[in-house]
Amino acid sequence: MIIGSTVIFRGEKYKIIWLYDNGTCEIKKKDSLGQVELVRLSELKTFEKTICSY
């Protein structure tokens, strides 16, 4: 996953705004102004087109 990817969390669309080395990330709801949530990457579902492997 990369910063800016769209993911699904609890059935709603979110955008990844920061990734941490410990397997967590900050996400923000697509229609939210400033509320950010810290979640584990394993809790997220991704869209095929947003997956990036280096």
PDB file of N, CA and C in Angstrom:
ATOM      1  N   MET A   1       0.840  -1.181   0.000  1.00  0.00           N
ATOM      2  CA  MET A   1       0.000   0.000   0.000  1.00  0.00           C
ATOM      3  C   MET A   1       0.884   1.242   0.000  1.00  0.00           C
ATOM      4  N   ILE A   2       0.334   2.296  -0.550  1.00  0.00           N
ATOM      5  CA  ILE A   2       1.074   3.555  -0.601  1.00  0.00           C
ATOM      6  C   ILE A   2       0.190   4.691  -0.083  1.00  0.00           C
ATOM      7  N   ILE A   3       0.827   5.755   0.328  1.00  0.00           N
ATOM      8  CA  ILE A   3       0.098   6.939   0.779  1.00  0.00           C
ATOM      9  C   ILE A   3      -0.762   7.444  -0.376  1.00  0.00           C
ATOM     10  N   GLY A   4      -2.007   7.764  -0.068  1.00  0.00           N
ATOM     11  CA  GLY A   4      -2.931   8.238  -1.096  1.00  0.00           C
ATOM     12  C   GLY A   4      -3.843   7.152  -1.621  1.00  0.00           C
ATOM     13  N   SER A   5      -3.562   5.888  -1.274  1.00  0.00           N
ATOM     14  CA  SER A   5      -4.406   4.779  -1.735  1.00  0.00           C
ATOM     15  C   SER A   5      -5.784   4.866  -1.096  1.00  0.00           C
ATOM     16  N   THR A   6      -6.790   4.441  -1.835  1.00  0.00           N
ATOM     17  CA  THR A   6      -8.140   4.328  -1.307  1.00  0.00           C
ATOM     18  C   THR A   6      -8.323   2.914  -0.784  1.00  0.00           C
ATOM     19  N   VAL A   7      -8.828   2.808   0.450  1.00  0.00           N
ATOM     20  CA  VAL A   7      -9.032   1.516   1.097  1.00  0.00           C
ATOM     21  C   VAL A   7     -10.435   1.457   1.693  1.00  0.00           C
ATOM     22  N   ILE A   8     -10.855   0.252   2.045  1.00  0.00           N
ATOM     23  CA  ILE A   8     -12.129   0.052   2.723  1.00  0.00           C
ATOM     24  C   ILE A   8     -11.843  -0.323   4.171  1.00  0.00           C
ATOM     25  N   PHE A   9     -12.476   0.381   5.106  1.00  0.00           N
ATOM     26  CA  PHE A   9     -12.363   0.106   6.532  1.00  0.00           C
ATOM     27  C   PHE A   9     -13.757   0.179   7.123  1.00  0.00           C
ATOM     28  N   ARG A  10     -14.212  -0.928   7.716  1.00  0.00           N
ATOM     29  CA  ARG A  10     -15.568  -1.011   8.290  1.00  0.00           C
ATOM     30  C   ARG A  10     -16.642  -0.641   7.275  1.00  0.00           C
ATOM     31  N   GLY A  11     -16.413  -1.054   6.021  1.00  0.00           N
ATOM     32  CA  GLY A  11     -17.414  -0.863   4.978  1.00  0.00           C
ATOM     33  C   GLY A  11     -17.469   0.519   4.361  1.00  0.00           C
ATOM     34  N   GLU A  12     -16.545   1.393   4.718  1.00  0.00           N
ATOM     35  CA  GLU A  12     -16.541   2.750   4.171  1.00  0.00           C
ATOM     36  C   GLU A  12     -15.197   3.056   3.518  1.00  0.00           C
ATOM     37  N   LYS A  13     -15.203   4.009   2.573  1.00  0.00           N
ATOM     38  CA  LYS A  13     -13.979   4.371   1.857  1.00  0.00           C
ATOM     39  C   LYS A  13     -13.147   5.358   2.674  1.00  0.00           C
ATOM     40  N   TYR A  14     -11.845   5.062   2.734  1.00  0.00           N
ATOM     41  CA  TYR A  14     -10.882   5.918   3.418  1.00  0.00           C
ATOM     42  C   TYR A  14      -9.680   6.125   2.514  1.00  0.00           C
ATOM     43  N   LYS A  15      -8.882   7.118   2.843  1.00  0.00           N
ATOM     44  CA  LYS A  15      -7.643   7.394   2.122  1.00  0.00           C
ATOM     45  C   LYS A  15      -6.487   7.261   3.111  1.00  0.00           C
ATOM     46  N   ILE A  16      -5.417   6.558   2.706  1.00  0.00           N
ATOM     47  CA  ILE A  16      -4.239   6.428   3.553  1.00  0.00           C
ATOM     48  C   ILE A  16      -3.467   7.737   3.505  1.00  0.00           C
ATOM     49  N   ILE A  17      -3.207   8.301   4.698  1.00  0.00           N
ATOM     50  CA  ILE A  17      -2.469   9.567   4.722  1.00  0.00           C
ATOM     51  C   ILE A  17      -1.068   9.407   5.319  1.00  0.00           C
ATOM     52  N   TRP A  18      -0.806   8.294   6.039  1.00  0.00           N
ATOM     53  CA  TRP A  18       0.538   8.050   6.540  1.00  0.00           C
ATOM     54  C   TRP A  18       0.705   6.572   6.874  1.00  0.00           C
ATOM     55  N   LEU A  19       1.883   6.018   6.582  1.00  0.00           N
ATOM     56  CA  LEU A  19       2.214   4.620   6.878  1.00  0.00           C
ATOM     57  C   LEU A  19       3.338   4.570   7.906  1.00  0.00           C
ATOM     58  N   TYR A  20       3.217   3.654   8.872  1.00  0.00           N
ATOM     59  CA  TYR A  20       4.238   3.474   9.899  1.00  0.00           C
ATOM     60  C   TYR A  20       4.920   2.120   9.722  1.00  0.00           C
ATOM     61  N   ASP A  21       6.168   2.022  10.165  1.00  0.00           N
ATOM     62  CA  ASP A  21       6.946   0.789  10.050  1.00  0.00           C
ATOM     63  C   ASP A  21       6.406  -0.349  10.913  1.00  0.00           C
ATOM     64  N   ASN A  22       5.599  -0.042  11.914  1.00  0.00           N
ATOM     65  CA  ASN A  22       5.094  -1.074  12.820  1.00  0.00           C
ATOM     66  C   ASN A  22       3.804  -1.746  12.328  1.00  0.00           C
ATOM     67  N   GLY A  23       3.422  -1.496  11.076  1.00  0.00           N
ATOM     68  CA  GLY A  23       2.242  -2.143  10.504  1.00  0.00           C
ATOM     69  C   GLY A  23       0.933  -1.418  10.727  1.00  0.00           C
ATOM     70  N   THR A  24       1.007  -0.163  11.117  1.00  0.00           N
ATOM     71  CA  THR A  24      -0.195   0.640  11.273  1.00  0.00           C
ATOM     72  C   THR A  24      -0.156   1.801  10.287  1.00  0.00           C
ATOM     73  N   CYS A  25      -1.286   2.466  10.141  1.00  0.00           N
ATOM     74  CA  CYS A  25      -1.342   3.628   9.260  1.00  0.00           C
ATOM     75  C   CYS A  25      -2.425   4.579   9.735  1.00  0.00           C
ATOM     76  N   GLU A  26      -2.317   5.813   9.278  1.00  0.00           N
ATOM     77  CA  GLU A  26      -3.349   6.813   9.531  1.00  0.00           C
ATOM     78  C   GLU A  26      -4.234   6.876   8.300  1.00  0.00           C
ATOM     79  N   ILE A  27      -5.540   6.820   8.531  1.00  0.00           N
ATOM     80  CA  ILE A  27      -6.489   6.912   7.432  1.00  0.00           C
ATOM     81  C   ILE A  27      -7.500   8.010   7.731  1.00  0.00           C
ATOM     82  N   LYS A  28      -8.052   8.557   6.662  1.00  0.00           N
ATOM     83  CA  LYS A  28      -9.062   9.607   6.785  1.00  0.00           C
ATOM     84  C   LYS A  28     -10.232   9.245   5.891  1.00  0.00           C
ATOM     85  N   LYS A  29     -11.443   9.366   6.420  1.00  0.00           N
ATOM     86  CA  LYS A  29     -12.635   9.077   5.637  1.00  0.00           C
ATOM     87  C   LYS A  29     -12.708  10.020   4.452  1.00  0.00           C
ATOM     88  N   LYS A  30     -13.120   9.491   3.304  1.00  0.00           N
ATOM     89  CA  LYS A  30     -13.131  10.278   2.066  1.00  0.00           C
ATOM     90  C   LYS A  30     -13.952  11.563   2.189  1.00  0.00           C
ATOM     91  N   ASP A  31     -15.030  11.541   2.959  1.00  0.00           N
ATOM     92  CA  ASP A  31     -15.878  12.735   3.052  1.00  0.00           C
ATOM     93  C   ASP A  31     -15.695  13.482   4.378  1.00  0.00           C
ATOM     94  N   SER A  32     -14.650  13.164   5.118  1.00  0.00           N
ATOM     95  CA  SER A  32     -14.394  13.773   6.418  1.00  0.00           C
ATOM     96  C   SER A  32     -13.432  14.948   6.282  1.00  0.00           C
ATOM     97  N   LEU A  33     -13.598  15.948   7.122  1.00  0.00           N
ATOM     98  CA  LEU A  33     -12.729  17.111   7.052  1.00  0.00           C
ATOM     99  C   LEU A  33     -11.368  16.864   7.701  1.00  0.00           C
ATOM    100  N   GLY A  34     -11.312  16.415   8.939  1.00  0.00           N
ATOM    101  CA  GLY A  34     -10.028  16.291   9.593  1.00  0.00           C
ATOM    102  C   GLY A  34      -9.877  15.106  10.523  1.00  0.00           C
ATOM    103  N   GLN A  35     -10.904  14.286  10.665  1.00  0.00           N
ATOM    104  CA  GLN A  35     -10.837  13.165  11.593  1.00  0.00           C
ATOM    105  C   GLN A  35      -9.963  12.056  11.021  1.00  0.00           C
ATOM    106  N   VAL A  36      -8.915  11.701  11.763  1.00  0.00           N
ATOM    107  CA  VAL A  36      -7.951  10.690  11.328  1.00  0.00           C
ATOM    108  C   VAL A  36      -8.026   9.513  12.283  1.00  0.00           C
ATOM    109  N   GLU A  37      -7.921   8.290  11.741  1.00  0.00           N
ATOM    110  CA  GLU A  37      -7.919   7.092  12.562  1.00  0.00           C
ATOM    111  C   GLU A  37      -6.611   6.343  12.371  1.00  0.00           C
ATOM    112  N   LEU A  38      -6.109   5.765  13.459  1.00  0.00           N
ATOM    113  CA  LEU A  38      -4.916   4.937  13.419  1.00  0.00           C
ATOM    114  C   LEU A  38      -5.366   3.481  13.447  1.00  0.00           C
ATOM    115  N   VAL A  39      -5.041   2.717  12.394  1.00  0.00           N
ATOM    116  CA  VAL A  39      -5.498   1.326  12.274  1.00  0.00           C
ATOM    117  C   VAL A  39      -4.358   0.425  11.797  1.00  0.00           C
ATOM    118  N   ARG A  40      -4.531  -0.865  12.009  1.00  0.00           N
ATOM    119  CA  ARG A  40      -3.570  -1.841  11.492  1.00  0.00           C
ATOM    120  C   ARG A  40      -3.827  -2.065  10.007  1.00  0.00           C
ATOM    121  N   LEU A  41      -2.754  -2.275   9.264  1.00  0.00           N
ATOM    122  CA  LEU A  41      -2.895  -2.530   7.826  1.00  0.00           C
ATOM    123  C   LEU A  41      -3.722  -3.781   7.570  1.00  0.00           C
ATOM    124  N   SER A  42      -3.659  -4.750   8.470  1.00  0.00           N
ATOM    125  CA  SER A  42      -4.409  -5.992   8.296  1.00  0.00           C
ATOM    126  C   SER A  42      -5.923  -5.788   8.392  1.00  0.00           C
ATOM    127  N   GLU A  43      -6.365  -4.657   8.917  1.00  0.00           N
ATOM    128  CA  GLU A  43      -7.788  -4.356   9.037  1.00  0.00           C
ATOM    129  C   GLU A  43      -8.377  -3.740   7.765  1.00  0.00           C
ATOM    130  N   LEU A  44      -7.519  -3.424   6.800  1.00  0.00           N
ATOM    131  CA  LEU A  44      -7.948  -2.712   5.598  1.00  0.00           C
ATOM    132  C   LEU A  44      -8.122  -3.648   4.417  1.00  0.00           C
ATOM    133  N   LYS A  45      -9.056  -3.307   3.555  1.00  0.00           N
ATOM    134  CA  LYS A  45      -9.217  -3.982   2.273  1.00  0.00           C
ATOM    135  C   LYS A  45      -8.835  -2.974   1.202  1.00  0.00           C
ATOM    136  N   THR A  46      -8.131  -3.449   0.176  1.00  0.00           N
ATOM    137  CA  THR A  46      -7.673  -2.539  -0.873  1.00  0.00           C
ATOM    138  C   THR A  46      -8.385  -2.831  -2.179  1.00  0.00           C
ATOM    139  N   PHE A  47      -8.334  -1.870  -3.064  1.00  0.00           N
ATOM    140  CA  PHE A  47      -8.799  -2.054  -4.420  1.00  0.00           C
ATOM    141  C   PHE A  47      -7.623  -2.561  -5.233  1.00  0.00           C
ATOM    142  N   GLU A  48      -7.841  -3.465  -6.160  1.00  0.00           N
ATOM    143  CA  GLU A  48      -6.764  -4.044  -6.979  1.00  0.00           C
ATOM    144  C   GLU A  48      -5.904  -2.971  -7.641  1.00  0.00           C
ATOM    145  N   LYS A  49      -6.511  -1.917  -8.157  1.00  0.00           N
ATOM    146  CA  LYS A  49      -5.770  -0.920  -8.922  1.00  0.00           C
ATOM    147  C   LYS A  49      -4.881  -0.029  -8.058  1.00  0.00           C
ATOM    148  N   THR A  50      -5.050  -0.046  -6.719  1.00  0.00           N
ATOM    149  CA  THR A  50      -4.240   0.820  -5.872  1.00  0.00           C
ATOM    150  C   THR A  50      -3.089   0.080  -5.212  1.00  0.00           C
ATOM    151  N   ILE A  51      -2.945  -1.207  -5.434  1.00  0.00           N
ATOM    152  CA  ILE A  51      -1.854  -1.969  -4.834  1.00  0.00           C
ATOM    153  C   ILE A  51      -0.578  -1.703  -5.610  1.00  0.00           C
ATOM    154  N   CYS A  52       0.464  -1.397  -4.889  1.00  0.00           N
ATOM    155  CA  CYS A  52       1.748  -1.097  -5.525  1.00  0.00           C
ATOM    156  C   CYS A  52       2.818  -1.972  -4.898  1.00  0.00           C
ATOM    157  N   SER A  53       3.589  -2.673  -5.702  1.00  0.00           N
ATOM    158  CA  SER A  53       4.700  -3.463  -5.176  1.00  0.00           C
ATOM    159  C   SER A  53       5.994  -2.965  -5.793  1.00  0.00           C
ATOM    160  N   TYR A  54       6.995  -2.865  -4.976  1.00  0.00           N
ATOM    161  CA  TYR A  54       8.284  -2.343  -5.431  1.00  0.00           C
ATOM    162  C   TYR A  54       9.282  -3.449  -5.572  1.00  0.00           C
TER     163      TYR A  54
END
